[in-house]
Amino acid sequence: MAAAVNQVHGFKPLACPLRCHPQSVSHLDCKMLELSQSKFNFTCIHKSSSTPCLSYSPKVEDDFPMTPRIEIIVGHALPQVHALVVEVAVAMATGVDLERAPSGLGGAYFLHARNGDTIAVAKPIDEEPLALNNPKGFGGRMLGQPGMKSSIRIGETGARESAAYLLDHGGFSGVPPTALVKLSHFNFDLLKSGSDAGSTSNPSYKIASLQRFVNHDSDAGDLGPSSFSVTCVHHIGILDVRLMNLDRHAGNLLVRQENESYGLGKAELVPIDHGFCLPECLDNPYFEWQHWPQASLPFSEAEADYISRLDPFKDAELIRTQVPSIRESSIRVLVLCTIFLKQAAAYGLCLVDIGEMMTREFLGGKEHCSSLENLCVTAKASLNMGLNDDDDHIQEADEMLVPRLFKNRHKAGGLMRSLSSPTPYNPNSKSISFGDMGSEEWHSFLETFQQLLPEAFKERTSTGLAKHRLRTSCAF
């Protein structure tokens, strides 16, 4: 069987099948997949047990005005995304139904190939936890309202999933190919049951994140950290710090291993579920790897080189152009965290040091601001007072800020000491956000923020807060 790929609209059966050798969709020529609008009609493909040979064809939509289609919203320029979408389209053309994933709080659906292999996972944005069409009883709110994480709005996790894949340069951390897509005329609502059935009319399309399914043996919660390689832990940790991942738990770290690798620190970790990255303001991240011994080891030379070559401003522009639905406040969190990571790694801090400086502490039954939040508060306050780099002015700022922000602290060398000491966190106060800053103010803030980092890093290593780091290779 042969089918044609319309450069603008999608698939169309050829009048006369071409004589060609069947080819695996996963090995399709990527140049053939560079379609301008990234839209695919797929039910008009004749069902066949053979893999279609694909070629270009003119108009399709005029002949098939109501056929299901899949359209890429985020990920147009990524060959692996195009290959995934083609596989999904071909599979759905065979009439394979969606299978709802039993786990999780949101609506997630497995898409299978004709032979039963799972190809991808789709997560409609209107079925996220707390969203109106959530099929698991955790709904009721409208898109755009605060979600399970107050700094991330309902309906916006799919865009963040795509952003995580875009920002995983060269597949460094192993994020599977991910796109934000529009699935037209496919009835997700038929999978609803109970009180959810018929609660809303079936829309003509749904927007969903689409991620390639990863065959795996378990997740990190089923094994001890001794099974994981140092490299995998470090690579995932670097990504989580850059994106300020609020939800890196063991369940979204998939484990792939060969039988002989069990317990030898060779298992591969695959990070998934990045919908709670890139918050709109500084929030309290959760890093599962923070409790693993691998995170206490120093970065390798290759890892340090990768970190040094990260360009936060180039990444920011990438997200602005490729994922325009992500707000500027979230993009600035990305810039801030990337700068923090780069400076910390250059200073010699390891992942544990960095993670602990980014997360809030619970002391005396109260939650306290993270070191990163304290640094940002200090930088913003100094900026608002119109201070410059002069030590006398900074000394004066310290005296004004200590009673209000950093009680019972000591000063040294004109810079405030104990920048990473706990400050009581008020959950009712407005979280630190950078979206309301003008461009000039934002860059002035970053300059002041970077001036404060060396002192904070010095304190981290000199006051005994940093954990002992093993400087030699070690098998876990």
Protein backbone atom coordinates (compact mmCIF):
# COMPACT_ATOMS: atom_id res chain seq x y z
CA MET A 1 0.00 0.00 0.00
CA ALA A 2 1.28 3.48 -0.77
CA ALA A 3 0.13 6.84 0.52
CA ALA A 4 0.94 10.42 -0.25
CA VAL A 5 2.00 13.07 2.24
CA ASN A 6 0.51 16.44 1.41
CA GLN A 7 3.05 19.17 2.08
CA VAL A 8 0.39 21.31 3.72
CA HIS A 9 -2.50 19.10 4.74
CA GLY A 10 -1.70 15.44 5.15
CA PHE A 11 -1.99 11.93 3.76
CA LYS A 12 -3.88 10.85 0.65
CA PRO A 13 -4.02 7.43 -1.01
CA LEU A 14 -2.25 7.31 -4.34
CA ALA A 15 -4.39 6.35 -7.30
CA CYS A 16 -1.85 3.74 -8.36
CA PRO A 17 0.40 2.23 -5.69
CA LEU A 18 4.06 2.87 -6.35
CA ARG A 19 6.51 0.02 -6.58
CA CYS A 20 8.84 0.47 -3.69
CA HIS A 21 10.49 -1.28 -0.83
CA PRO A 22 8.60 -0.96 2.47
CA GLN A 23 10.48 1.21 4.92
CA SER A 24 10.25 1.54 8.65
CA VAL A 25 8.66 4.83 9.65
CA SER A 26 11.32 5.34 12.29
CA HIS A 27 13.92 5.40 9.51
CA LEU A 28 12.11 7.82 7.20
CA ASP A 29 14.23 10.43 5.48
CA CYS A 30 14.00 13.45 7.79
CA LYS A 31 14.10 15.82 4.81
CA MET A 32 10.84 14.34 3.60
CA LEU A 33 9.29 15.21 6.94
CA GLU A 34 10.09 18.94 6.81
CA LEU A 35 6.50 19.95 6.11
CA SER A 36 5.62 23.61 6.23
CA GLN A 37 2.40 23.34 8.23
CA SER A 38 3.04 19.96 9.89
CA LYS A 39 -0.53 18.77 9.40
CA PHE A 40 -1.38 15.16 8.64
CA ASN A 41 -4.66 13.57 7.58
CA PHE A 42 -4.51 9.93 8.48
CA THR A 43 -7.80 8.06 8.27
CA CYS A 44 -7.70 8.29 4.51
CA ILE A 45 -4.74 5.89 4.48
CA HIS A 46 -5.90 2.44 3.39
CA LYS A 47 -5.54 -0.04 6.22
CA SER A 48 -2.74 -2.43 5.46
CA SER A 49 -0.38 -4.69 7.29
CA SER A 50 2.52 -3.23 5.34
CA THR A 51 4.24 0.03 6.16
CA PRO A 52 3.31 2.79 3.69
CA CYS A 53 5.80 4.30 1.34
CA LEU A 54 5.30 8.05 1.60
CA SER A 55 5.56 10.74 -1.07
CA TYR A 56 4.28 14.26 -1.64
CA SER A 57 0.84 15.03 -3.07
CA PRO A 58 -1.20 18.20 -3.72
CA LYS A 59 -4.64 19.02 -2.29
CA VAL A 60 -6.19 16.71 0.26
CA GLU A 61 -8.43 18.81 2.47
CA ASP A 62 -10.88 19.60 -0.37
CA ASP A 63 -11.43 15.87 -0.89
CA PHE A 64 -11.46 14.93 2.80
CA PRO A 65 -12.88 17.92 4.68
CA MET A 66 -13.82 16.08 7.88
CA THR A 67 -11.09 13.46 8.23
CA PRO A 68 -9.12 13.20 11.46
CA ARG A 69 -5.76 14.90 11.43
CA ILE A 70 -2.83 15.64 13.69
CA GLU A 71 -1.15 19.02 13.56
CA ILE A 72 2.11 20.00 15.25
CA ILE A 73 1.85 23.20 17.30
CA VAL A 74 5.26 23.10 18.99
CA GLY A 75 8.14 21.15 17.48
CA HIS A 76 7.86 21.94 13.76
CA ALA A 77 11.61 22.07 13.16
CA LEU A 78 12.51 18.83 14.97
CA PRO A 79 12.96 15.76 12.73
CA GLN A 80 12.36 13.31 15.58
CA VAL A 81 9.04 15.01 16.33
CA HIS A 82 7.98 14.70 12.70
CA ALA A 83 8.92 11.02 12.67
CA LEU A 84 6.87 10.45 15.82
CA VAL A 85 3.83 12.24 14.41
CA VAL A 86 3.98 10.21 11.20
CA GLU A 87 4.11 6.97 13.20
CA VAL A 88 1.12 8.05 15.24
CA ALA A 89 -0.80 9.08 12.14
CA VAL A 90 -0.14 5.77 10.40
CA ALA A 91 -1.12 3.83 13.52
CA MET A 92 -4.38 5.74 13.94
CA ALA A 93 -5.14 5.15 10.26
CA THR A 94 -5.27 1.43 11.00
CA GLY A 95 -8.13 2.04 13.42
CA VAL A 96 -6.20 1.34 16.61
CA ASP A 97 -8.02 2.84 19.60
CA LEU A 98 -6.56 4.92 22.37
CA GLU A 99 -5.96 3.28 25.73
CA ARG A 100 -6.37 5.40 28.83
CA ALA A 101 -3.44 5.19 31.23
CA PRO A 102 -4.69 3.94 34.61
CA SER A 103 -2.17 5.87 36.72
CA GLY A 104 -1.78 9.57 37.32
CA LEU A 105 -4.20 12.34 38.21
CA GLY A 106 -4.70 13.63 34.67
CA GLY A 107 -5.98 12.21 31.43
CA ALA A 108 -3.24 10.33 29.59
CA TYR A 109 -3.66 7.97 26.64
CA PHE A 110 -1.43 5.35 25.07
CA LEU A 111 -1.34 5.15 21.28
CA HIS A 112 -0.42 1.74 19.88
CA ALA A 113 0.86 0.48 16.57
CA ARG A 114 -1.01 -2.23 14.69
CA ASN A 115 1.29 -4.89 16.14
CA GLY A 116 0.45 -3.76 19.67
CA ASP A 117 3.65 -1.87 20.42
CA THR A 118 3.07 1.40 22.27
CA ILE A 119 4.21 4.39 20.24
CA ALA A 120 3.35 7.49 22.24
CA VAL A 121 1.53 9.00 25.20
CA ALA A 122 -0.94 11.85 24.64
CA LYS A 123 -2.07 14.19 27.43
CA PRO A 124 -4.93 16.58 26.52
CA ILE A 125 -4.51 19.95 28.20
CA ASP A 126 -8.19 20.12 29.18
CA GLU A 127 -7.81 16.86 31.11
CA GLU A 128 -4.92 17.95 33.31
CA PRO A 129 -5.35 17.64 37.09
CA LEU A 130 -7.96 20.21 38.21
CA ALA A 131 -8.92 21.01 34.60
CA LEU A 132 -12.60 21.07 33.67
CA ASN A 133 -12.58 17.84 31.65
CA ASN A 134 -10.35 15.81 33.95
CA PRO A 135 -11.63 12.22 33.64
CA LYS A 136 -10.48 11.05 37.07
CA GLY A 137 -12.54 13.25 39.35
CA PHE A 138 -9.92 15.94 39.90
CA GLY A 139 -11.47 18.67 37.77
CA GLY A 140 -13.60 21.76 37.96
CA ARG A 141 -11.33 24.70 37.16
CA MET A 142 -11.00 26.64 33.94
CA LEU A 143 -7.89 26.79 31.79
CA GLY A 144 -5.54 29.55 32.93
CA GLN A 145 -6.39 29.28 36.62
CA PRO A 146 -3.72 28.20 39.14
CA GLY A 147 -3.11 24.48 38.98
CA MET A 148 -1.70 21.91 41.38
CA LYS A 149 1.36 24.12 41.52
CA SER A 150 0.22 27.70 42.00
CA SER A 151 3.04 28.98 39.80
CA ILE A 152 1.89 26.88 36.82
CA ARG A 153 -1.53 27.43 35.29
CA ILE A 154 -4.02 24.78 34.24
CA GLY A 155 -3.70 23.91 30.58
CA GLU A 156 -0.07 25.02 30.29
CA THR A 157 1.82 21.87 31.29
CA GLY A 158 1.82 20.54 27.72
CA ALA A 159 3.76 23.54 26.47
CA ARG A 160 6.30 23.00 29.23
CA GLU A 161 6.70 19.34 28.24
CA SER A 162 7.62 20.50 24.74
CA ALA A 163 9.94 23.20 26.08
CA ALA A 164 11.86 20.64 28.13
CA TYR A 165 12.57 18.63 24.98
CA LEU A 166 13.62 21.76 23.09
CA LEU A 167 16.00 22.76 25.88
CA ASP A 168 17.58 19.32 26.21
CA HIS A 169 20.26 20.24 23.72
CA GLY A 170 21.67 17.25 21.86
CA GLY A 171 19.61 14.87 23.98
CA PHE A 172 22.05 15.47 26.85
CA SER A 173 19.54 14.46 29.55
CA GLY A 174 17.56 11.97 27.47
CA VAL A 175 14.15 13.66 27.31
CA PRO A 176 12.06 11.64 24.80
CA PRO A 177 10.83 13.45 21.66
CA THR A 178 7.89 15.62 22.71
CA ALA A 179 5.53 17.95 20.87
CA LEU A 180 2.40 19.95 21.47
CA VAL A 181 -0.17 18.81 18.90
CA LYS A 182 -3.75 19.35 17.84
CA LEU A 183 -5.71 16.14 17.32
CA SER A 184 -8.80 16.84 15.22
CA HIS A 185 -11.97 14.76 15.16
CA PHE A 186 -10.71 12.13 17.56
CA ASN A 187 -13.15 11.28 20.31
CA PHE A 188 -11.27 11.27 23.60
CA ASP A 189 -14.57 11.85 25.42
CA LEU A 190 -15.81 8.39 24.49
CA LEU A 191 -13.31 7.08 27.00
CA LYS A 192 -15.02 8.89 29.85
CA SER A 193 -17.14 6.93 32.26
CA GLY A 194 -19.46 7.41 35.18
CA SER A 195 -20.34 10.96 36.10
CA ASP A 196 -17.80 12.25 33.58
CA ALA A 197 -19.57 10.75 30.57
CA GLY A 198 -21.42 13.35 28.59
CA SER A 199 -20.31 16.16 30.89
CA THR A 200 -19.10 18.15 27.91
CA SER A 201 -19.80 18.00 24.22
CA ASN A 202 -17.11 16.35 22.15
CA PRO A 203 -14.90 19.08 20.64
CA SER A 204 -13.76 18.96 17.03
CA TYR A 205 -10.18 18.80 18.27
CA LYS A 206 -8.06 18.64 21.40
CA ILE A 207 -4.66 20.11 22.13
CA ALA A 208 -2.36 17.64 23.83
CA SER A 209 1.26 16.97 24.58
CA LEU A 210 2.55 14.00 22.63
CA GLN A 211 5.63 12.16 23.84
CA ARG A 212 7.31 9.10 22.41
CA PHE A 213 6.72 6.10 24.65
CA VAL A 214 9.88 4.67 26.19
CA ASN A 215 10.08 0.94 26.76
CA HIS A 216 11.33 0.49 30.30
CA ASP A 217 11.73 -2.09 33.03
CA SER A 218 10.54 -0.03 36.00
CA ASP A 219 10.81 3.43 37.47
CA ALA A 220 13.34 4.74 39.94
CA GLY A 221 10.99 4.07 42.84
CA ASP A 222 11.36 0.33 42.32
CA LEU A 223 15.15 0.32 42.66
CA GLY A 224 17.72 1.80 44.97
CA PRO A 225 19.98 4.57 43.69
CA SER A 226 22.92 2.18 43.60
CA SER A 227 21.53 0.87 40.31
CA PHE A 228 21.90 4.20 38.52
CA SER A 229 24.97 5.56 36.80
CA VAL A 230 26.52 8.80 38.02
CA THR A 231 26.31 10.19 34.50
CA CYS A 232 22.54 9.68 34.22
CA VAL A 233 21.90 11.28 37.60
CA HIS A 234 24.09 14.28 36.81
CA HIS A 235 22.61 14.83 33.37
CA ILE A 236 19.05 14.77 34.66
CA GLY A 237 19.96 16.96 37.63
CA ILE A 238 21.49 19.59 35.34
CA LEU A 239 18.25 19.74 33.35
CA ASP A 240 16.09 19.94 36.48
CA VAL A 241 18.11 22.83 37.89
CA ARG A 242 17.96 24.79 34.63
CA LEU A 243 14.20 24.35 34.36
CA MET A 244 13.50 24.58 38.11
CA ASN A 245 11.59 21.31 38.06
CA LEU A 246 9.00 21.36 40.83
CA ASP A 247 8.20 17.67 40.57
CA ARG A 248 11.18 15.42 39.90
CA HIS A 249 10.10 12.33 41.81
CA ALA A 250 11.08 8.69 41.34
CA GLY A 251 7.94 7.89 39.37
CA ASN A 252 8.91 10.11 36.45
CA LEU A 253 12.37 8.62 36.11
CA LEU A 254 12.05 5.52 33.95
CA VAL A 255 14.66 2.78 34.29
CA ARG A 256 16.05 0.82 31.37
CA GLN A 257 18.59 -1.86 32.13
CA GLU A 258 20.01 -5.10 30.86
CA ASN A 259 19.91 -8.11 33.14
CA GLU A 260 23.64 -8.08 33.78
CA SER A 261 23.55 -4.42 34.79
CA TYR A 262 21.29 -4.88 37.81
CA GLY A 263 22.82 -3.36 40.92
CA LEU A 264 26.01 -2.35 39.12
CA GLY A 265 25.25 1.31 38.65
CA LYS A 266 24.69 0.90 34.92
CA ALA A 267 20.94 1.33 34.61
CA GLU A 268 19.84 4.13 32.29
CA LEU A 269 17.40 6.74 33.57
CA VAL A 270 14.94 8.42 31.21
CA PRO A 271 13.29 11.64 32.48
CA ILE A 272 9.61 12.18 31.59
CA ASP A 273 6.71 14.38 32.79
CA HIS A 274 8.11 17.91 32.66
CA GLY A 275 4.80 19.76 32.95
CA PHE A 276 5.80 21.29 36.28
CA CYS A 277 8.95 22.98 35.00
CA LEU A 278 9.51 26.66 34.25
CA PRO A 279 7.23 28.14 36.93
CA GLU A 280 6.09 31.73 36.59
CA CYS A 281 7.84 32.70 39.82
CA LEU A 282 10.41 31.24 42.18
CA ASP A 283 8.82 28.19 43.75
CA ASN A 284 9.97 25.26 45.85
CA PRO A 285 11.43 22.62 43.54
CA TYR A 286 11.61 18.93 44.37
CA PHE A 287 14.64 16.94 43.24
CA GLU A 288 14.53 13.22 44.04
CA TRP A 289 18.18 12.88 43.08
CA GLN A 290 19.12 15.30 45.86
CA HIS A 291 18.98 12.35 48.27
CA TRP A 292 21.21 10.09 46.14
CA PRO A 293 24.98 9.71 46.67
CA GLN A 294 25.73 10.34 42.99
CA ALA A 295 24.60 13.95 43.43
CA SER A 296 27.41 14.53 45.95
CA LEU A 297 30.09 13.72 43.39
CA PRO A 298 31.68 16.58 41.43
CA PHE A 299 30.74 17.16 37.82
CA SER A 300 32.89 15.41 35.26
CA GLU A 301 34.97 17.41 32.81
CA ALA A 302 32.43 16.76 30.05
CA GLU A 303 29.54 17.84 32.26
CA ALA A 304 31.34 20.99 33.36
CA ASP A 305 32.04 21.79 29.71
CA TYR A 306 28.38 21.30 28.79
CA ILE A 307 27.28 23.61 31.61
CA SER A 308 29.83 26.27 30.65
CA ARG A 309 28.52 26.29 27.06
CA LEU A 310 24.89 26.82 28.07
CA ASP A 311 23.61 30.20 26.90
CA PRO A 312 20.62 31.30 29.01
CA PHE A 313 19.76 34.20 26.71
CA LYS A 314 19.87 32.04 23.62
CA ASP A 315 17.63 29.51 25.39
CA ALA A 316 15.25 32.30 26.33
CA GLU A 317 14.95 33.40 22.72
CA LEU A 318 14.41 29.79 21.65
CA ILE A 319 11.41 29.48 23.97
CA ARG A 320 10.03 32.89 22.97
CA THR A 321 10.02 31.92 19.31
CA GLN A 322 9.18 28.21 19.50
CA VAL A 323 6.82 28.11 22.52
CA PRO A 324 5.25 31.59 22.58
CA SER A 325 2.53 30.51 25.02
CA ILE A 326 5.10 30.34 27.82
CA ARG A 327 5.08 33.66 29.66
CA GLU A 328 8.07 35.94 30.00
CA SER A 329 8.09 35.45 33.78
CA SER A 330 8.78 31.73 33.27
CA ILE A 331 11.46 32.43 30.69
CA ARG A 332 13.23 34.68 33.17
CA VAL A 333 13.17 31.92 35.77
CA LEU A 334 14.96 29.77 33.18
CA VAL A 335 17.57 32.47 32.66
CA LEU A 336 18.08 32.97 36.38
CA CYS A 337 18.43 29.26 37.17
CA THR A 338 20.81 28.69 34.26
CA ILE A 339 23.04 31.53 35.43
CA PHE A 340 22.90 30.14 38.97
CA LEU A 341 23.88 26.67 37.72
CA LYS A 342 26.74 27.97 35.59
CA GLN A 343 28.23 30.08 38.38
CA ALA A 344 27.78 27.32 40.98
CA ALA A 345 29.44 24.69 38.80
CA ALA A 346 32.32 27.06 38.00
CA TYR A 347 32.79 27.63 41.73
CA GLY A 348 33.02 23.86 42.29
CA LEU A 349 29.65 23.11 43.84
CA CYS A 350 28.05 19.73 43.18
CA LEU A 351 24.39 18.91 42.54
CA VAL A 352 23.61 18.44 46.22
CA ASP A 353 24.96 21.90 47.00
CA ILE A 354 23.00 23.47 44.16
CA GLY A 355 19.80 21.59 44.93
CA GLU A 356 19.85 22.49 48.60
CA MET A 357 20.43 26.16 47.82
CA MET A 358 17.35 26.11 45.58
CA THR A 359 14.93 24.29 47.89
CA ARG A 360 13.20 25.58 50.99
CA GLU A 361 13.93 24.19 54.43
CA PHE A 362 11.59 23.14 57.19
CA LEU A 363 12.95 24.21 60.56
CA GLY A 364 11.03 24.44 63.78
CA GLY A 365 7.84 23.43 62.04
CA LYS A 366 8.09 26.36 59.63
CA GLU A 367 9.02 26.65 55.97
CA HIS A 368 11.96 28.93 55.25
CA CYS A 369 13.01 30.66 52.06
CA SER A 370 15.67 29.01 49.98
CA SER A 371 19.10 30.54 49.58
CA LEU A 372 18.21 31.35 45.98
CA GLU A 373 15.09 33.22 47.10
CA ASN A 374 17.07 35.15 49.70
CA LEU A 375 19.60 36.16 47.07
CA CYS A 376 16.85 37.38 44.76
CA VAL A 377 15.15 39.33 47.54
CA THR A 378 18.45 41.02 48.35
CA ALA A 379 19.17 41.80 44.72
CA LYS A 380 15.69 43.22 44.10
CA ALA A 381 15.80 45.32 47.25
CA SER A 382 19.23 46.68 46.38
CA LEU A 383 18.06 47.44 42.87
CA ASN A 384 14.99 49.27 44.13
CA MET A 385 17.21 51.49 46.25
CA GLY A 386 19.26 52.42 43.19
CA LEU A 387 22.49 51.00 44.60
CA ASN A 388 25.66 50.39 42.64
CA ASP A 389 28.75 48.27 43.20
CA ASP A 390 30.32 50.61 45.78
CA ASP A 391 30.94 48.76 49.06
CA ASP A 392 29.80 51.72 51.14
CA HIS A 393 26.46 51.70 49.45
CA ILE A 394 26.15 47.94 49.84
CA GLN A 395 27.09 48.29 53.53
CA GLU A 396 24.33 50.87 53.91
CA ALA A 397 21.92 48.56 52.13
CA ASP A 398 22.83 45.76 54.53
CA GLU A 399 21.99 47.90 57.54
CA MET A 400 18.61 48.78 56.05
CA LEU A 401 17.79 45.25 54.94
CA VAL A 402 18.90 43.26 57.97
CA PRO A 403 16.06 44.34 60.31
CA ARG A 404 13.50 43.68 57.63
CA LEU A 405 14.77 40.61 55.82
CA PHE A 406 17.78 39.01 57.46
CA LYS A 407 17.51 39.23 61.23
CA ASN A 408 20.30 37.89 63.44
CA ARG A 409 22.79 37.85 60.60
CA HIS A 410 26.39 38.98 60.41
CA LYS A 411 28.11 41.07 57.76
CA ALA A 412 31.55 40.65 56.34
CA GLY A 413 33.48 42.62 53.75
CA GLY A 414 30.52 44.90 53.00
CA LEU A 415 28.47 41.97 51.66
CA MET A 416 25.79 40.37 53.74
CA ARG A 417 26.82 37.17 55.45
CA SER A 418 24.54 34.17 55.87
CA LEU A 419 22.79 34.82 52.58
CA SER A 420 21.86 31.13 52.58
CA SER A 421 20.60 31.08 56.16
CA PRO A 422 16.90 30.36 56.54
CA THR A 423 14.44 33.24 56.44
CA PRO A 424 10.83 32.47 57.42
CA TYR A 425 8.68 31.95 54.33
CA ASN A 426 5.22 33.46 54.32
CA PRO A 427 2.92 31.38 52.06
CA ASN A 428 0.48 34.29 51.92
CA SER A 429 3.08 36.69 50.55
CA LYS A 430 3.57 37.22 46.85
CA SER A 431 6.19 34.87 45.43
CA ILE A 432 9.25 36.34 43.78
CA SER A 433 8.44 37.01 40.14
CA PHE A 434 10.36 38.81 37.43
CA GLY A 435 7.63 39.28 34.85
CA ASP A 436 6.80 42.83 35.88
CA MET A 437 10.35 44.11 35.36
CA GLY A 438 11.23 46.21 32.37
CA SER A 439 14.09 45.00 30.18
CA GLU A 440 16.63 47.42 31.64
CA GLU A 441 15.57 46.68 35.21
CA TRP A 442 15.76 42.93 34.56
CA HIS A 443 19.31 43.11 33.26
CA SER A 444 20.34 45.34 36.16
CA PHE A 445 18.84 42.79 38.55
CA LEU A 446 20.80 39.96 36.92
CA GLU A 447 24.01 41.97 37.26
CA THR A 448 23.38 42.56 40.96
CA PHE A 449 22.33 38.92 41.46
CA GLN A 450 25.59 37.67 39.95
CA GLN A 451 27.61 39.97 42.20
CA LEU A 452 26.05 38.30 45.24
CA LEU A 453 26.71 34.72 44.11
CA PRO A 454 30.43 34.33 45.02
CA GLU A 455 29.79 35.28 48.64
CA ALA A 456 26.85 32.89 48.86
CA PHE A 457 28.89 30.06 47.34
CA LYS A 458 31.80 30.80 49.65
CA GLU A 459 29.48 30.58 52.64
CA ARG A 460 28.04 27.35 51.34
CA THR A 461 31.46 25.70 51.34
CA SER A 462 32.99 27.40 54.41
CA THR A 463 30.25 27.06 57.02
CA GLY A 464 29.91 23.30 56.85
CA LEU A 465 26.59 23.33 54.99
CA ALA A 466 28.03 21.52 52.01
CA LYS A 467 28.19 17.76 52.37
CA HIS A 468 31.45 15.92 52.12
CA ARG A 469 32.13 15.17 48.46
CA LEU A 470 34.09 12.17 47.34
CA ARG A 471 36.66 13.31 44.79
CA THR A 472 37.52 9.87 43.48
CA SER A 473 35.53 7.46 41.37
CA CYS A 474 33.15 5.27 43.32
CA ALA A 475 30.87 2.36 42.51
CA PHE A 476 27.43 2.48 44.10
